[in-house]
Structures are given as C-alpha cells and as structure tokens.
C-alpha atoms as a PDB file:
ATOM      1  CA  UNK A   1     -15.697 -49.483  -8.795  1.00  0.00           C
ATOM      2  CA  UNK A   2     -12.150 -49.248  -7.530  1.00  0.00           C
ATOM      3  CA  UNK A   3     -11.303 -46.629 -10.143  1.00  0.00           C
ATOM      4  CA  UNK A   4     -14.416 -44.651  -9.256  1.00  0.00           C
ATOM      5  CA  UNK A   5     -13.476 -44.765  -5.578  1.00  0.00           C
ATOM      6  CA  UNK A   6      -9.981 -43.430  -6.363  1.00  0.00           C
ATOM      7  CA  UNK A   7     -11.408 -40.594  -8.455  1.00  0.00           C
ATOM      8  CA  UNK A   8     -13.877 -39.662  -5.736  1.00  0.00           C
ATOM      9  CA  UNK A   9     -11.087 -39.718  -3.133  1.00  0.00           C
ATOM     10  CA  UNK A  10      -8.905 -37.423  -5.250  1.00  0.00           C
ATOM     11  CA  UNK A  11     -11.816 -35.054  -5.877  1.00  0.00           C
ATOM     12  CA  UNK A  12     -12.683 -34.937  -2.176  1.00  0.00           C
ATOM     13  CA  UNK A  13      -9.047 -34.184  -1.320  1.00  0.00           C
ATOM     14  CA  UNK A  14      -8.942 -31.332  -3.836  1.00  0.00           C
ATOM     15  CA  UNK A  15     -12.135 -29.861  -2.388  1.00  0.00           C
ATOM     16  CA  UNK A  16     -10.703 -29.962   1.117  1.00  0.00           C
ATOM     17  CA  UNK A  17      -7.454 -28.393  -0.099  1.00  0.00           C
ATOM     18  CA  UNK A  18      -9.348 -25.646  -1.863  1.00  0.00           C
ATOM     19  CA  UNK A  19     -11.411 -24.903   1.226  1.00  0.00           C
ATOM     20  CA  UNK A  20      -8.393 -24.838   3.540  1.00  0.00           C
ATOM     21  CA  UNK A  21      -7.758 -21.430   5.056  1.00  0.00           C
ATOM     22  CA  UNK A  22      -4.806 -19.569   3.604  1.00  0.00           C
ATOM     23  CA  UNK A  23      -1.995 -19.193   6.136  1.00  0.00           C
ATOM     24  CA  UNK A  24      -1.883 -15.685   7.581  1.00  0.00           C
ATOM     25  CA  UNK A  25       1.048 -13.298   7.407  1.00  0.00           C
ATOM     26  CA  UNK A  26       3.990 -14.175   9.636  1.00  0.00           C
ATOM     27  CA  UNK A  27       4.234 -11.274  12.110  1.00  0.00           C
ATOM     28  CA  UNK A  28       6.973 -12.856  14.258  1.00  0.00           C
ATOM     29  CA  UNK A  29       9.624 -10.219  13.470  1.00  0.00           C
ATOM     30  CA  UNK A  30       7.044  -7.416  13.753  1.00  0.00           C
ATOM     31  CA  UNK A  31       5.915  -8.535  17.216  1.00  0.00           C
ATOM     32  CA  UNK A  32       9.492  -8.918  18.426  1.00  0.00           C
ATOM     33  CA  UNK A  33      10.410  -5.426  17.182  1.00  0.00           C
ATOM     34  CA  UNK A  34       7.386  -3.587  18.644  1.00  0.00           C
ATOM     35  CA  UNK A  35       7.946  -0.353  16.666  1.00  0.00           C
ATOM     36  CA  UNK A  36       6.438   2.771  18.171  1.00  0.00           C
ATOM     37  CA  UNK A  37       7.471   5.404  15.645  1.00  0.00           C
ATOM     38  CA  UNK A  38       7.584   5.243  11.839  1.00  0.00           C
ATOM     39  CA  UNK A  39       9.586   7.365   9.417  1.00  0.00           C
ATOM     40  CA  UNK A  40       7.873   7.478   6.016  1.00  0.00           C
ATOM     41  CA  UNK A  41      10.354   7.943   3.183  1.00  0.00           C
ATOM     42  CA  UNK A  42       9.267   9.640  -0.064  1.00  0.00           C
ATOM     43  CA  UNK A  43       7.789   6.931  -2.338  1.00  0.00           C
ATOM     44  CA  UNK A  44       9.831   5.935  -5.385  1.00  0.00           C
ATOM     45  CA  UNK A  45       7.678   6.557  -8.448  1.00  0.00           C
ATOM     46  CA  UNK A  46       7.744   4.051 -11.313  1.00  0.00           C
ATOM     47  CA  UNK A  47       4.729   5.576 -13.087  1.00  0.00           C
ATOM     48  CA  UNK A  48       4.748   8.336 -15.764  1.00  0.00           C
ATOM     49  CA  UNK A  49       2.916  10.799 -13.492  1.00  0.00           C
ATOM     50  CA  UNK A  50       5.395  13.185 -11.853  1.00  0.00           C
ATOM     51  CA  UNK A  51       2.893  14.013  -9.086  1.00  0.00           C
ATOM     52  CA  UNK A  52       2.581  10.422  -7.880  1.00  0.00           C
ATOM     53  CA  UNK A  53       5.248  10.464  -5.152  1.00  0.00           C
ATOM     54  CA  UNK A  54       4.076  13.598  -3.346  1.00  0.00           C
ATOM     55  CA  UNK A  55       0.426  12.648  -3.773  1.00  0.00           C
ATOM     56  CA  UNK A  56       0.942   9.200  -2.280  1.00  0.00           C
ATOM     57  CA  UNK A  57       3.147  10.554   0.500  1.00  0.00           C
ATOM     58  CA  UNK A  58       0.401  12.930   1.612  1.00  0.00           C
ATOM     59  CA  UNK A  59      -2.067  10.053   2.059  1.00  0.00           C
ATOM     60  CA  UNK A  60      -0.051   7.396   3.910  1.00  0.00           C
ATOM     61  CA  UNK A  61       0.373   9.136   7.255  1.00  0.00           C
ATOM     62  CA  UNK A  62      -3.353   9.028   8.106  1.00  0.00           C
ATOM     63  CA  UNK A  63      -3.785   5.231   8.241  1.00  0.00           C
ATOM     64  CA  UNK A  64      -0.474   4.895  10.115  1.00  0.00           C
ATOM     65  CA  UNK A  65      -1.565   7.411  12.747  1.00  0.00           C
ATOM     66  CA  UNK A  66      -4.958   5.723  13.011  1.00  0.00           C
ATOM     67  CA  UNK A  67      -3.152   2.410  13.515  1.00  0.00           C
ATOM     68  CA  UNK A  68      -1.552   3.862  16.636  1.00  0.00           C
ATOM     69  CA  UNK A  69       1.949   4.900  15.558  1.00  0.00           C
ATOM     70  CA  UNK A  70       3.834   8.155  15.892  1.00  0.00           C
ATOM     71  CA  UNK A  71       4.529   9.270  12.328  1.00  0.00           C
ATOM     72  CA  UNK A  72       7.265  11.820  11.679  1.00  0.00           C
ATOM     73  CA  UNK A  73       5.798  14.914   9.923  1.00  0.00           C
ATOM     74  CA  UNK A  74       6.499  14.517   6.216  1.00  0.00           C
ATOM     75  CA  UNK A  75       7.277  18.224   5.721  1.00  0.00           C
ATOM     76  CA  UNK A  76       9.936  18.138   8.447  1.00  0.00           C
ATOM     77  CA  UNK A  77      11.412  14.929   7.050  1.00  0.00           C
ATOM     78  CA  UNK A  78      11.513  16.359   3.532  1.00  0.00           C
ATOM     79  CA  UNK A  79      13.189  19.560   4.718  1.00  0.00           C
ATOM     80  CA  UNK A  80      15.768  17.596   6.699  1.00  0.00           C
ATOM     81  CA  UNK A  81      16.769  15.642   3.612  1.00  0.00           C
ATOM     82  CA  UNK A  82      16.756  18.809   1.515  1.00  0.00           C
ATOM     83  CA  UNK A  83      19.141  20.519   3.930  1.00  0.00           C
ATOM     84  CA  UNK A  84      21.466  17.565   3.451  1.00  0.00           C
ATOM     85  CA  UNK A  85      21.389  17.829  -0.334  1.00  0.00           C
ATOM     86  CA  UNK A  86      18.917  15.019  -1.044  1.00  0.00           C
ATOM     87  CA  UNK A  87      15.760  15.882  -2.966  1.00  0.00           C
ATOM     88  CA  UNK A  88      14.951  12.732  -4.955  1.00  0.00           C
ATOM     89  CA  UNK A  89      13.260   9.667  -3.516  1.00  0.00           C
ATOM     90  CA  UNK A  90      15.906   7.443  -5.079  1.00  0.00           C
ATOM     91  CA  UNK A  91      18.757   9.302  -3.343  1.00  0.00           C
ATOM     92  CA  UNK A  92      16.943   9.265  -0.015  1.00  0.00           C
ATOM     93  CA  UNK A  93      16.371   5.529  -0.285  1.00  0.00           C
ATOM     94  CA  UNK A  94      20.118   4.975  -0.513  1.00  0.00           C
ATOM     95  CA  UNK A  95      20.610   6.261   3.060  1.00  0.00           C
ATOM     96  CA  UNK A  96      21.376   3.366   5.397  1.00  0.00           C
ATOM     97  CA  UNK A  97      19.028   2.258   8.167  1.00  0.00           C
ATOM     98  CA  UNK A  98      21.672   3.095  10.762  1.00  0.00           C
ATOM     99  CA  UNK A  99      22.013   6.658   9.418  1.00  0.00           C
ATOM    100  CA  UNK A 100      18.244   7.194   9.375  1.00  0.00           C
ATOM    101  CA  UNK A 101      18.087   5.990  12.953  1.00  0.00           C
ATOM    102  CA  UNK A 102      20.891   8.382  13.916  1.00  0.00           C
ATOM    103  CA  UNK A 103      19.237  11.395  12.270  1.00  0.00           C
ATOM    104  CA  UNK A 104      15.591  10.856  13.202  1.00  0.00           C
ATOM    105  CA  UNK A 105      15.640   8.376  16.073  1.00  0.00           C
ATOM    106  CA  UNK A 106      12.726   6.442  14.529  1.00  0.00           C
ATOM    107  CA  UNK A 107      12.112   2.790  15.328  1.00  0.00           C
ATOM    108  CA  UNK A 108      11.202   1.852  11.758  1.00  0.00           C
ATOM    109  CA  UNK A 109      11.098   3.273   8.236  1.00  0.00           C
ATOM    110  CA  UNK A 110       8.436   2.709   5.599  1.00  0.00           C
ATOM    111  CA  UNK A 111       9.659   2.259   2.017  1.00  0.00           C
ATOM    112  CA  UNK A 112       7.039   2.619  -0.740  1.00  0.00           C
ATOM    113  CA  UNK A 113       7.151   1.948  -4.487  1.00  0.00           C
ATOM    114  CA  UNK A 114       4.413   3.253  -6.786  1.00  0.00           C
ATOM    115  CA  UNK A 115       3.997   0.991  -9.818  1.00  0.00           C
ATOM    116  CA  UNK A 116       0.948   2.671 -11.347  1.00  0.00           C
ATOM    117  CA  UNK A 117      -0.729   6.035 -10.833  1.00  0.00           C
ATOM    118  CA  UNK A 118      -3.233   8.086 -12.799  1.00  0.00           C
ATOM    119  CA  UNK A 119      -5.820   7.839 -15.542  1.00  0.00           C
ATOM    120  CA  UNK A 120      -5.598   5.847 -18.758  1.00  0.00           C
ATOM    121  CA  UNK A 121      -7.918   5.852 -21.780  1.00  0.00           C
ATOM    122  CA  UNK A 122      -8.572   2.414 -23.297  1.00  0.00           C
ATOM    123  CA  UNK A 123     -10.926   3.054 -26.282  1.00  0.00           C
ATOM    124  CA  UNK A 124     -14.165   1.987 -24.564  1.00  0.00           C
ATOM    125  CA  UNK A 125     -13.179   2.640 -20.993  1.00  0.00           C
ATOM    126  CA  UNK A 126     -11.193   5.020 -18.850  1.00  0.00           C
ATOM    127  CA  UNK A 127      -9.643   4.084 -15.539  1.00  0.00           C
ATOM    128  CA  UNK A 128      -7.830   5.818 -12.706  1.00  0.00           C
ATOM    129  CA  UNK A 129      -5.666   3.290 -10.896  1.00  0.00           C
ATOM    130  CA  UNK A 130      -3.048   3.494  -8.162  1.00  0.00           C
ATOM    131  CA  UNK A 131      -0.919   0.503  -7.191  1.00  0.00           C
ATOM    132  CA  UNK A 132       1.821   0.481  -4.590  1.00  0.00           C
ATOM    133  CA  UNK A 133       3.927  -1.911  -2.559  1.00  0.00           C
ATOM    134  CA  UNK A 134       5.693  -1.220   0.707  1.00  0.00           C
ATOM    135  CA  UNK A 135       7.998  -2.643   3.331  1.00  0.00           C
ATOM    136  CA  UNK A 136       8.602  -1.691   6.945  1.00  0.00           C
ATOM    137  CA  UNK A 137      12.215  -1.925   8.101  1.00  0.00           C
ATOM    138  CA  UNK A 138      13.511  -1.870  11.686  1.00  0.00           C
ATOM    139  CA  UNK A 139      16.093   0.932  11.768  1.00  0.00           C
ATOM    140  CA  UNK A 140      17.741  -0.566  14.857  1.00  0.00           C
ATOM    141  CA  UNK A 141      18.906  -3.705  13.095  1.00  0.00           C
ATOM    142  CA  UNK A 142      17.864  -3.468   9.420  1.00  0.00           C
ATOM    143  CA  UNK A 143      15.368  -6.333   9.598  1.00  0.00           C
ATOM    144  CA  UNK A 144      12.313  -6.306   7.340  1.00  0.00           C
ATOM    145  CA  UNK A 145       9.279  -6.394   9.637  1.00  0.00           C
ATOM    146  CA  UNK A 146       6.494  -6.396   7.048  1.00  0.00           C
ATOM    147  CA  UNK A 147       5.820  -6.212   3.309  1.00  0.00           C
ATOM    148  CA  UNK A 148       2.575  -5.616   1.474  1.00  0.00           C
ATOM    149  CA  UNK A 149       0.936  -4.333  -1.695  1.00  0.00           C
ATOM    150  CA  UNK A 150      -2.404  -2.821  -2.641  1.00  0.00           C
ATOM    151  CA  UNK A 151      -4.269  -1.342  -5.554  1.00  0.00           C
ATOM    152  CA  UNK A 152      -7.429   0.709  -6.044  1.00  0.00           C
ATOM    153  CA  UNK A 153      -9.359   1.805  -9.116  1.00  0.00           C
ATOM    154  CA  UNK A 154     -12.396   3.929  -9.878  1.00  0.00           C
ATOM    155  CA  UNK A 155     -13.610   1.143 -12.178  1.00  0.00           C
ATOM    156  CA  UNK A 156     -14.110  -1.390  -9.423  1.00  0.00           C
ATOM    157  CA  UNK A 157     -17.894  -1.023  -9.350  1.00  0.00           C
ATOM    158  CA  UNK A 158     -18.532   0.334 -12.824  1.00  0.00           C
ATOM    159  CA  UNK A 159     -21.462  -0.938 -14.869  1.00  0.00           C
ATOM    160  CA  UNK A 160     -22.168   0.557 -18.281  1.00  0.00           C
ATOM    161  CA  UNK A 161     -25.327  -0.329 -20.206  1.00  0.00           C
ATOM    162  CA  UNK A 162     -25.347   2.564 -22.680  1.00  0.00           C
ATOM    163  CA  UNK A 163     -23.986   0.728 -25.703  1.00  0.00           C
ATOM    164  CA  UNK A 164     -20.695   1.266 -27.529  1.00  0.00           C
ATOM    165  CA  UNK A 165     -21.271   4.967 -28.298  1.00  0.00           C
ATOM    166  CA  UNK A 166     -22.221   5.699 -24.726  1.00  0.00           C
ATOM    167  CA  UNK A 167     -19.165   3.815 -23.493  1.00  0.00           C
ATOM    168  CA  UNK A 168     -16.845   5.800 -25.770  1.00  0.00           C
ATOM    169  CA  UNK A 169     -18.291   9.149 -24.696  1.00  0.00           C
ATOM    170  CA  UNK A 170     -18.292   8.196 -21.023  1.00  0.00           C
ATOM    171  CA  UNK A 171     -14.684   7.006 -21.198  1.00  0.00           C
ATOM    172  CA  UNK A 172     -13.485  10.248 -22.836  1.00  0.00           C
ATOM    173  CA  UNK A 173     -15.387  12.483 -20.402  1.00  0.00           C
ATOM    174  CA  UNK A 174     -14.235  10.415 -17.449  1.00  0.00           C
ATOM    175  CA  UNK A 175     -10.571  10.678 -18.418  1.00  0.00           C
ATOM    176  CA  UNK A 176     -10.736  14.448 -18.932  1.00  0.00           C
ATOM    177  CA  UNK A 177     -12.498  14.884 -15.604  1.00  0.00           C
ATOM    178  CA  UNK A 178     -10.033  12.610 -13.799  1.00  0.00           C
ATOM    179  CA  UNK A 179      -7.010  14.376 -15.268  1.00  0.00           C
ATOM    180  CA  UNK A 180      -8.258  17.871 -14.507  1.00  0.00           C
ATOM    181  CA  UNK A 181      -9.263  17.050 -10.937  1.00  0.00           C
ATOM    182  CA  UNK A 182      -6.297  14.727 -10.245  1.00  0.00           C
ATOM    183  CA  UNK A 183      -8.595  11.901  -9.290  1.00  0.00           C
ATOM    184  CA  UNK A 184      -5.465   9.834  -8.837  1.00  0.00           C
ATOM    185  CA  UNK A 185      -4.969  11.568  -5.499  1.00  0.00           C
ATOM    186  CA  UNK A 186      -8.326  10.315  -4.229  1.00  0.00           C
ATOM    187  CA  UNK A 187      -7.586   6.794  -5.440  1.00  0.00           C
ATOM    188  CA  UNK A 188      -4.127   7.016  -3.829  1.00  0.00           C
ATOM    189  CA  UNK A 189      -5.851   7.617  -0.498  1.00  0.00           C
ATOM    190  CA  UNK A 190      -7.867   4.408  -0.917  1.00  0.00           C
ATOM    191  CA  UNK A 191      -4.736   2.491  -1.922  1.00  0.00           C
ATOM    192  CA  UNK A 192      -2.905   3.777   1.158  1.00  0.00           C
ATOM    193  CA  UNK A 193      -5.771   2.660   3.378  1.00  0.00           C
ATOM    194  CA  UNK A 194      -5.824  -0.812   1.867  1.00  0.00           C
ATOM    195  CA  UNK A 195      -2.056  -1.043   2.084  1.00  0.00           C
ATOM    196  CA  UNK A 196      -1.481   0.209   5.624  1.00  0.00           C
ATOM    197  CA  UNK A 197      -4.664   0.160   7.712  1.00  0.00           C
ATOM    198  CA  UNK A 198      -4.538  -2.403  10.505  1.00  0.00           C
ATOM    199  CA  UNK A 199      -8.150  -3.289   9.699  1.00  0.00           C
ATOM    200  CA  UNK A 200      -7.037  -4.879   6.419  1.00  0.00           C
ATOM    201  CA  UNK A 201      -5.949  -8.497   5.996  1.00  0.00           C
ATOM    202  CA  UNK A 202      -2.152  -9.028   6.172  1.00  0.00           C
ATOM    203  CA  UNK A 203      -1.557  -5.316   6.751  1.00  0.00           C
ATOM    204  CA  UNK A 204       0.262  -3.657   9.644  1.00  0.00           C
ATOM    205  CA  UNK A 205      -0.523  -4.524  13.237  1.00  0.00           C
ATOM    206  CA  UNK A 206      -1.944  -1.909  15.595  1.00  0.00           C
ATOM    207  CA  UNK A 207       0.632   0.333  17.247  1.00  0.00           C
ATOM    208  CA  UNK A 208       1.064   1.227  20.937  1.00  0.00           C
ATOM    209  CA  UNK A 209      -1.116   4.357  20.703  1.00  0.00           C
ATOM    210  CA  UNK A 210      -4.147   2.298  19.636  1.00  0.00           C
ATOM    211  CA  UNK A 211      -6.593   0.770  22.152  1.00  0.00           C
ATOM    212  CA  UNK A 212      -6.413  -2.387  19.987  1.00  0.00           C
ATOM    213  CA  UNK A 213      -2.668  -2.747  20.566  1.00  0.00           C
ATOM    214  CA  UNK A 214      -1.591  -6.232  21.502  1.00  0.00           C
ATOM    215  CA  UNK A 215      -5.048  -7.750  21.049  1.00  0.00           C
ATOM    216  CA  UNK A 216      -5.605 -10.856  18.947  1.00  0.00           C
ATOM    217  CA  UNK A 217      -7.730  -9.663  16.054  1.00  0.00           C
ATOM    218  CA  UNK A 218      -9.360 -11.799  13.380  1.00  0.00           C
ATOM    219  CA  UNK A 219      -9.365 -10.084  10.006  1.00  0.00           C
END
C-alpha cells in the first residue's frame, strides 16, 4: 500500500507539472525601452532561394505598422545603405547599433534570419515552407529587447486520400505551381505575421500608435 501511495503521489505531481502554465516571455527590457520607431534591416538569407531576403523584407513592415510602430520605409533604407557602399544583408548587419542610430535616428532595429524558404519535392509530397527568427535591438544602448521565431507551410492542413499515384501527381503539380507563382512569398507573409504580430503569443508588444498600447493583454 505504501508503494502504491508513493506511485500515485508521483503520478499526481507529474500531472500537475504537465498542466502548469508555461511562463510567458520576459518583456522587462522591452517595457523599459518603449521603442516608438523600428528600422528593419534586410534579412540574412540562409536558404538556397536568392529571392528570400527581398521577399521576406517586403512582408514584415505590415505587421509592425499594425502593431503601432513607425517603420522606416524599406526602399529608403535600402537606398541609404546603397549610397554608402553596402548592398548585402551581411555587410549591413555589421554596422553598429550606435551608427544605425546616428544615421536613421530609430529607437530600435529588427534583425531577421531566414533559415528556410521555398518549395521542396519529397517523392510523395511537395511543401512550401518559410522559417525565420528575429531579434529587436535597442539602438540607444545595444540591448536585445525581444527574440522570436516562426514558421509557416502550405502543408499545414493538407489531407490526401487519392492513393500513392494521386499523391505523386499532386506533389509534382504542386511544386511546379509553387515555383512558378513564387508561393514562398505568400507563405513568407504568414510567417511574418506569426513572428511579429502583437496578437501572437510571445511576439512583440503593441506600439504607441496602437489603441492597445500599454494594456495588459492575455494571449
């Protein structure tokens, strides 16, 4: 009986531990910084697709603006770097926080890495996936205010019941269609939303231009 009681106690403890709510993201530094404007740097691309950086860059400003931040126009930012002899995302990333603050006057900069982008063919399936991670850095003192990652795929809700031949044909057609239409760009938009929208768990907080700014929000 004693042994049974011990086992039941251990099991009950494990159940309680498993049901315990995961601690939320620590926004202490973010709340102390109170950034109002964000400079988005060109994403560093670690995928084989050469279009990934520009595609991702064109999708990230929307969720940031919707969150309530002033976002520096990406075309103006790109031209500014170009005029200073920097055209690659890797070179731009090497610029110090203090220098970025001096040039643009932004409160914070968003650094993004793309780890996967585009369509792949895997014998009986084809998938378009975009995965990225990001960090927000205070340009006034170099502190990291937030980090996050997100992924999206067009296979998330797929359900194929057409047998092996049907799966092979569907996968081939799907990859050709995705490649020709650059479906990766659409998936990049979903990834950006999941990564940066203040409506998402452990994402950015609302900025000062949002009516939700400063409110305690359960996500």
